[in-house]
């Protein structure tokens, strides 16, 4: 398997080790999570409105006598890139707020980030976050 040169540097130099936390949550939990991230001094959040389904599987409706199954539900995707040592803090923060105990609370995915570049200054790695 080919490994890009820059990626090998990121593994060797721990200062470039970062993760992207991607959380799919209920829309009603967004404001509380944003406030908690701000309070915890975690900046750089990307938020998207998405549609999807998991175990919730949607619901059935009737329109003019015809049964319609809606199997995608509105959700919010929150993406945050943080240093490795902050990942658990972000996971605990999101799960603490988003968990209701019901099906449809969402999921969190953790993705390795090899490099980050601030376009304005050219800074790289954790200093670019």
N, C-alpha and C. Protein backbone atom coordinates (compact mmCIF):
# COMPACT_ATOMS: atom_id res chain seq x y z
N UNK A 1 0.84 -1.19 0.00
CA UNK A 1 0.00 0.00 0.00
C UNK A 1 0.88 1.24 0.00
N UNK A 2 0.59 2.19 -0.85
CA UNK A 2 1.33 3.44 -0.93
C UNK A 2 0.92 4.37 0.19
N UNK A 3 1.89 4.90 0.92
CA UNK A 3 1.62 5.87 1.98
C UNK A 3 2.26 7.19 1.57
N UNK A 4 1.46 8.26 1.43
CA UNK A 4 2.03 9.54 1.03
C UNK A 4 3.12 9.99 2.00
N UNK A 5 4.13 10.66 1.47
CA UNK A 5 5.27 11.10 2.27
C UNK A 5 4.83 11.93 3.47
N UNK A 6 3.92 12.89 3.25
CA UNK A 6 3.48 13.77 4.34
C UNK A 6 2.82 12.98 5.46
N UNK A 7 2.11 11.90 5.11
CA UNK A 7 1.43 11.12 6.13
C UNK A 7 2.44 10.44 7.04
N UNK A 8 3.56 9.95 6.48
CA UNK A 8 4.59 9.32 7.31
C UNK A 8 5.19 10.33 8.27
N UNK A 9 5.35 11.56 7.86
CA UNK A 9 5.87 12.60 8.75
C UNK A 9 4.90 12.81 9.91
N UNK A 10 3.61 12.81 9.61
CA UNK A 10 2.60 13.03 10.65
C UNK A 10 2.64 11.93 11.70
N UNK A 11 2.92 10.71 11.30
CA UNK A 11 2.99 9.62 12.26
C UNK A 11 4.23 9.76 13.14
N UNK A 12 5.35 10.15 12.55
CA UNK A 12 6.59 10.27 13.29
C UNK A 12 6.56 11.48 14.22
N UNK A 13 6.09 12.61 13.74
CA UNK A 13 6.06 13.84 14.54
C UNK A 13 4.70 13.96 15.20
N UNK A 14 4.63 13.72 16.50
CA UNK A 14 3.37 13.70 17.21
C UNK A 14 2.65 15.03 17.22
N UNK A 15 3.35 16.13 16.94
CA UNK A 15 2.71 17.43 16.94
C UNK A 15 1.66 17.54 15.84
N UNK A 16 1.68 16.65 14.86
CA UNK A 16 0.73 16.68 13.76
C UNK A 16 -0.37 15.64 13.89
N UNK A 17 -0.55 15.08 15.05
CA UNK A 17 -1.56 14.04 15.23
C UNK A 17 -2.88 14.71 15.63
N UNK A 18 -3.87 14.56 14.77
CA UNK A 18 -5.18 15.18 14.97
C UNK A 18 -6.27 14.19 14.61
N UNK A 19 -7.46 14.45 15.10
CA UNK A 19 -8.63 13.62 14.79
C UNK A 19 -9.79 14.54 14.40
N UNK A 20 -10.67 14.01 13.52
CA UNK A 20 -11.92 14.69 13.22
C UNK A 20 -13.02 13.92 13.92
N UNK A 21 -13.78 14.61 14.74
CA UNK A 21 -14.93 14.03 15.42
C UNK A 21 -16.16 14.42 14.62
N UNK A 22 -16.86 13.42 14.09
CA UNK A 22 -18.07 13.65 13.30
C UNK A 22 -19.25 13.10 14.08
N UNK A 23 -20.14 13.96 14.48
CA UNK A 23 -21.30 13.53 15.27
C UNK A 23 -22.57 13.78 14.48
N UNK A 24 -23.42 12.76 14.41
CA UNK A 24 -24.76 12.89 13.83
C UNK A 24 -25.71 12.94 15.02
N UNK A 25 -26.44 14.05 15.17
CA UNK A 25 -27.26 14.26 16.36
C UNK A 25 -28.68 14.69 15.98
N UNK A 26 -29.54 14.70 16.98
CA UNK A 26 -30.89 15.24 16.81
C UNK A 26 -30.81 16.76 16.65
N UNK A 27 -31.63 17.34 15.77
CA UNK A 27 -31.60 18.80 15.60
C UNK A 27 -31.87 19.56 16.90
N UNK A 28 -32.67 19.00 17.78
CA UNK A 28 -33.02 19.69 19.02
C UNK A 28 -31.85 19.82 19.99
N UNK A 29 -30.78 19.08 19.77
CA UNK A 29 -29.62 19.11 20.67
C UNK A 29 -28.51 20.05 20.21
N UNK A 30 -28.66 20.63 19.03
CA UNK A 30 -27.58 21.42 18.43
C UNK A 30 -27.18 22.61 19.30
N UNK A 31 -28.11 23.43 19.72
CA UNK A 31 -27.76 24.65 20.47
C UNK A 31 -27.05 24.32 21.77
N UNK A 32 -27.50 23.29 22.47
CA UNK A 32 -26.84 22.90 23.72
C UNK A 32 -25.41 22.44 23.46
N UNK A 33 -25.19 21.69 22.39
CA UNK A 33 -23.85 21.22 22.06
C UNK A 33 -22.96 22.39 21.65
N UNK A 34 -23.48 23.32 20.87
CA UNK A 34 -22.69 24.50 20.49
C UNK A 34 -22.28 25.30 21.72
N UNK A 35 -23.20 25.50 22.65
CA UNK A 35 -22.89 26.24 23.87
C UNK A 35 -21.83 25.53 24.70
N UNK A 36 -21.94 24.21 24.80
CA UNK A 36 -20.97 23.44 25.59
C UNK A 36 -19.58 23.47 24.94
N UNK A 37 -19.51 23.39 23.62
CA UNK A 37 -18.23 23.47 22.92
C UNK A 37 -17.59 24.84 23.15
N UNK A 38 -18.40 25.88 23.08
CA UNK A 38 -17.89 27.24 23.30
C UNK A 38 -17.38 27.39 24.73
N UNK A 39 -18.13 26.87 25.70
CA UNK A 39 -17.73 26.94 27.10
C UNK A 39 -16.42 26.18 27.34
N UNK A 40 -16.23 25.06 26.64
CA UNK A 40 -15.03 24.24 26.78
C UNK A 40 -13.87 24.76 25.93
N UNK A 41 -14.06 25.92 25.28
CA UNK A 41 -13.03 26.54 24.45
C UNK A 41 -12.60 25.64 23.29
N UNK A 42 -13.57 24.93 22.71
CA UNK A 42 -13.32 24.11 21.52
C UNK A 42 -13.92 24.85 20.34
N UNK A 43 -13.03 25.31 19.45
CA UNK A 43 -13.44 26.15 18.33
C UNK A 43 -13.29 25.37 17.03
N UNK A 44 -13.77 25.98 15.96
CA UNK A 44 -13.63 25.37 14.64
C UNK A 44 -14.62 24.26 14.41
N UNK A 45 -15.88 24.59 14.36
CA UNK A 45 -16.95 23.61 14.20
C UNK A 45 -17.63 23.80 12.85
N UNK A 46 -17.87 22.71 12.15
CA UNK A 46 -18.63 22.74 10.90
C UNK A 46 -19.95 22.02 11.16
N UNK A 47 -21.05 22.67 10.80
CA UNK A 47 -22.38 22.12 11.07
C UNK A 47 -23.15 22.02 9.75
N UNK A 48 -23.75 20.84 9.51
CA UNK A 48 -24.53 20.62 8.29
C UNK A 48 -25.88 19.99 8.63
N UNK A 49 -26.90 20.37 7.88
CA UNK A 49 -28.18 19.69 7.98
C UNK A 49 -28.12 18.49 7.05
N UNK A 50 -28.43 17.31 7.58
CA UNK A 50 -28.38 16.09 6.79
C UNK A 50 -29.66 15.29 6.98
N UNK A 51 -29.85 14.31 6.13
CA UNK A 51 -30.97 13.39 6.25
C UNK A 51 -30.40 11.99 6.33
N UNK A 52 -31.00 11.12 7.12
CA UNK A 52 -30.50 9.77 7.20
C UNK A 52 -31.38 8.90 8.07
N UNK A 53 -30.99 7.64 8.15
CA UNK A 53 -31.72 6.72 9.01
C UNK A 53 -30.75 5.66 9.53
N UNK A 54 -31.08 5.14 10.66
CA UNK A 54 -30.33 4.05 11.27
C UNK A 54 -31.35 3.07 11.81
N UNK A 55 -31.28 2.80 13.10
CA UNK A 55 -32.25 1.90 13.72
C UNK A 55 -33.64 2.52 13.80
N UNK A 56 -33.72 3.84 13.72
CA UNK A 56 -35.00 4.52 13.82
C UNK A 56 -35.92 4.17 12.66
N UNK A 57 -35.36 4.04 11.48
CA UNK A 57 -36.04 3.58 10.26
C UNK A 57 -37.20 4.44 9.78
N UNK A 58 -37.41 5.60 10.31
CA UNK A 58 -38.46 6.48 9.80
C UNK A 58 -39.85 6.15 10.32
N UNK A 59 -40.86 6.55 9.57
CA UNK A 59 -42.25 6.36 9.97
C UNK A 59 -43.15 6.25 8.75
N UNK A 60 -44.39 5.86 8.99
CA UNK A 60 -45.37 5.74 7.91
C UNK A 60 -46.39 6.85 8.03
N UNK A 61 -46.76 7.38 6.88
CA UNK A 61 -47.80 8.40 6.81
C UNK A 61 -48.79 7.99 5.73
N UNK A 62 -49.97 8.56 5.81
CA UNK A 62 -50.97 8.32 4.77
C UNK A 62 -51.31 9.65 4.11
N UNK A 63 -51.20 9.66 2.77
CA UNK A 63 -51.51 10.85 2.01
C UNK A 63 -52.54 10.46 0.95
N UNK A 64 -53.76 10.98 1.10
CA UNK A 64 -54.87 10.68 0.19
C UNK A 64 -55.10 9.18 0.07
N UNK A 65 -55.01 8.50 1.20
CA UNK A 65 -55.29 7.08 1.24
C UNK A 65 -54.12 6.18 0.85
N UNK A 66 -53.01 6.77 0.48
CA UNK A 66 -51.84 5.99 0.08
C UNK A 66 -50.82 6.01 1.21
N UNK A 67 -50.34 4.82 1.57
CA UNK A 67 -49.33 4.74 2.63
C UNK A 67 -47.96 5.15 2.07
N UNK A 68 -47.31 6.08 2.75
CA UNK A 68 -45.99 6.55 2.36
C UNK A 68 -45.04 6.30 3.52
N UNK A 69 -43.95 5.60 3.23
CA UNK A 69 -42.94 5.34 4.26
C UNK A 69 -41.81 6.34 4.09
N UNK A 70 -41.59 7.13 5.12
CA UNK A 70 -40.49 8.08 5.13
C UNK A 70 -39.37 7.46 5.92
N UNK A 71 -38.30 7.05 5.23
CA UNK A 71 -37.25 6.33 5.94
C UNK A 71 -36.00 7.16 6.19
N UNK A 72 -36.02 8.43 5.85
CA UNK A 72 -34.92 9.30 6.23
C UNK A 72 -35.45 10.42 7.13
N UNK A 73 -34.68 10.73 8.12
CA UNK A 73 -35.09 11.73 9.10
C UNK A 73 -34.09 12.88 9.12
N UNK A 74 -34.55 14.08 9.46
CA UNK A 74 -33.61 15.21 9.54
C UNK A 74 -32.68 15.04 10.73
N UNK A 75 -31.41 15.24 10.49
CA UNK A 75 -30.39 15.17 11.54
C UNK A 75 -29.43 16.33 11.34
N UNK A 76 -28.54 16.52 12.29
CA UNK A 76 -27.49 17.53 12.21
C UNK A 76 -26.15 16.82 12.29
N UNK A 77 -25.23 17.19 11.40
CA UNK A 77 -23.87 16.64 11.44
C UNK A 77 -22.94 17.74 11.95
N UNK A 78 -22.21 17.43 13.00
CA UNK A 78 -21.26 18.35 13.60
C UNK A 78 -19.87 17.77 13.39
N UNK A 79 -18.97 18.54 12.77
CA UNK A 79 -17.60 18.09 12.54
C UNK A 79 -16.65 19.02 13.28
N UNK A 80 -15.72 18.41 14.03
CA UNK A 80 -14.75 19.17 14.80
C UNK A 80 -13.40 18.49 14.65
N UNK A 81 -12.36 19.23 14.29
CA UNK A 81 -11.01 18.69 14.24
C UNK A 81 -10.28 19.17 15.49
N UNK A 82 -9.77 18.21 16.26
CA UNK A 82 -9.09 18.52 17.52
C UNK A 82 -7.80 17.73 17.62
N UNK A 83 -6.96 18.15 18.55
CA UNK A 83 -5.75 17.40 18.87
C UNK A 83 -6.16 16.09 19.52
N UNK A 84 -5.29 15.08 19.41
CA UNK A 84 -5.59 13.75 19.96
C UNK A 84 -6.00 13.80 21.43
N UNK A 85 -5.36 14.63 22.22
CA UNK A 85 -5.63 14.63 23.65
C UNK A 85 -6.98 15.25 24.02
N UNK A 86 -7.67 15.88 23.06
CA UNK A 86 -8.98 16.46 23.33
C UNK A 86 -10.14 15.61 22.83
N UNK A 87 -9.85 14.51 22.16
CA UNK A 87 -10.90 13.69 21.54
C UNK A 87 -11.87 13.16 22.60
N UNK A 88 -11.37 12.59 23.66
CA UNK A 88 -12.26 12.02 24.69
C UNK A 88 -13.12 13.09 25.33
N UNK A 89 -12.55 14.28 25.53
CA UNK A 89 -13.32 15.40 26.10
C UNK A 89 -14.50 15.75 25.20
N UNK A 90 -14.25 15.81 23.89
CA UNK A 90 -15.31 16.15 22.93
C UNK A 90 -16.37 15.04 22.90
N UNK A 91 -15.94 13.78 22.92
CA UNK A 91 -16.89 12.67 22.90
C UNK A 91 -17.78 12.71 24.14
N UNK A 92 -17.18 12.90 25.30
CA UNK A 92 -17.95 12.96 26.55
C UNK A 92 -18.93 14.13 26.54
N UNK A 93 -18.48 15.27 26.02
CA UNK A 93 -19.33 16.45 25.96
C UNK A 93 -20.55 16.19 25.09
N UNK A 94 -20.32 15.65 23.88
CA UNK A 94 -21.42 15.42 22.95
C UNK A 94 -22.37 14.34 23.47
N UNK A 95 -21.82 13.22 23.93
CA UNK A 95 -22.70 12.14 24.41
C UNK A 95 -23.48 12.55 25.65
N UNK A 96 -22.86 13.35 26.50
CA UNK A 96 -23.55 13.80 27.70
C UNK A 96 -24.77 14.65 27.39
N UNK A 97 -24.71 15.42 26.33
CA UNK A 97 -25.82 16.29 25.95
C UNK A 97 -26.80 15.59 25.02
N UNK A 98 -26.29 14.83 24.05
CA UNK A 98 -27.14 14.25 23.00
C UNK A 98 -27.89 13.00 23.43
N UNK A 99 -27.43 12.33 24.49
CA UNK A 99 -28.05 11.06 24.88
C UNK A 99 -29.40 11.29 25.56
N UNK A 100 -30.44 10.67 24.99
CA UNK A 100 -31.77 10.67 25.60
C UNK A 100 -32.16 9.26 26.03
N UNK A 101 -31.44 8.26 25.53
CA UNK A 101 -31.79 6.87 25.81
C UNK A 101 -32.76 6.29 24.81
N UNK A 102 -33.18 7.10 23.86
CA UNK A 102 -34.13 6.66 22.83
C UNK A 102 -33.37 6.31 21.55
N UNK A 103 -33.99 5.48 20.71
CA UNK A 103 -33.43 5.20 19.39
C UNK A 103 -33.41 6.51 18.61
N UNK A 104 -32.31 6.78 17.92
CA UNK A 104 -32.21 7.99 17.12
C UNK A 104 -31.35 9.07 17.76
N UNK A 105 -30.67 8.76 18.86
CA UNK A 105 -29.80 9.75 19.50
C UNK A 105 -28.63 10.14 18.61
N UNK A 106 -28.17 9.22 17.77
CA UNK A 106 -27.12 9.55 16.83
C UNK A 106 -25.89 8.68 16.98
N UNK A 107 -24.83 9.08 16.28
CA UNK A 107 -23.57 8.35 16.29
C UNK A 107 -22.43 9.36 16.28
N UNK A 108 -21.25 8.90 16.75
CA UNK A 108 -20.03 9.69 16.67
C UNK A 108 -18.99 8.84 15.95
N UNK A 109 -18.33 9.44 14.97
CA UNK A 109 -17.26 8.78 14.23
C UNK A 109 -15.97 9.55 14.47
N UNK A 110 -14.86 8.83 14.61
CA UNK A 110 -13.55 9.43 14.82
C UNK A 110 -12.69 9.09 13.60
N UNK A 111 -12.13 10.11 12.97
CA UNK A 111 -11.35 9.93 11.75
C UNK A 111 -9.96 10.55 11.95
N UNK A 112 -8.90 9.83 11.54
CA UNK A 112 -7.55 10.36 11.61
C UNK A 112 -7.38 11.48 10.59
N UNK A 113 -6.71 12.54 11.00
CA UNK A 113 -6.39 13.65 10.11
C UNK A 113 -4.87 13.70 9.98
N UNK A 114 -4.37 13.59 8.78
CA UNK A 114 -2.92 13.56 8.56
C UNK A 114 -2.31 14.96 8.62
N UNK A 115 -3.02 15.96 8.15
CA UNK A 115 -2.44 17.30 8.08
C UNK A 115 -3.53 18.34 8.08
N UNK A 116 -3.18 19.52 8.55
CA UNK A 116 -4.08 20.67 8.54
C UNK A 116 -3.25 21.87 8.12
N UNK A 117 -3.77 22.67 7.20
CA UNK A 117 -3.06 23.85 6.73
C UNK A 117 -3.99 25.05 6.84
N UNK A 118 -3.54 26.08 7.54
CA UNK A 118 -4.31 27.33 7.59
C UNK A 118 -4.00 28.10 6.31
N UNK A 119 -4.98 28.35 5.50
CA UNK A 119 -4.77 28.97 4.20
C UNK A 119 -4.18 30.37 4.32
N UNK A 120 -4.66 31.15 5.24
CA UNK A 120 -4.22 32.54 5.37
C UNK A 120 -2.73 32.67 5.67
N UNK A 121 -2.21 31.83 6.59
CA UNK A 121 -0.82 31.98 7.03
C UNK A 121 0.11 30.88 6.57
N UNK A 122 -0.44 29.77 6.12
CA UNK A 122 0.38 28.63 5.73
C UNK A 122 0.80 27.76 6.91
N UNK A 123 0.32 28.07 8.13
CA UNK A 123 0.65 27.26 9.29
C UNK A 123 0.17 25.84 9.06
N UNK A 124 0.89 24.88 9.66
CA UNK A 124 0.54 23.47 9.50
C UNK A 124 0.43 22.79 10.85
N UNK A 125 -0.30 21.67 10.85
CA UNK A 125 -0.41 20.84 12.05
C UNK A 125 -1.33 21.45 13.10
N UNK A 126 -1.05 21.15 14.36
CA UNK A 126 -1.91 21.59 15.46
C UNK A 126 -1.98 23.11 15.55
N UNK A 127 -0.93 23.81 15.18
CA UNK A 127 -0.95 25.28 15.26
C UNK A 127 -1.93 25.88 14.25
N UNK A 128 -2.32 25.11 13.24
CA UNK A 128 -3.28 25.60 12.24
C UNK A 128 -4.72 25.42 12.71
N UNK A 129 -4.92 24.64 13.77
CA UNK A 129 -6.28 24.46 14.29
C UNK A 129 -6.74 25.73 14.93
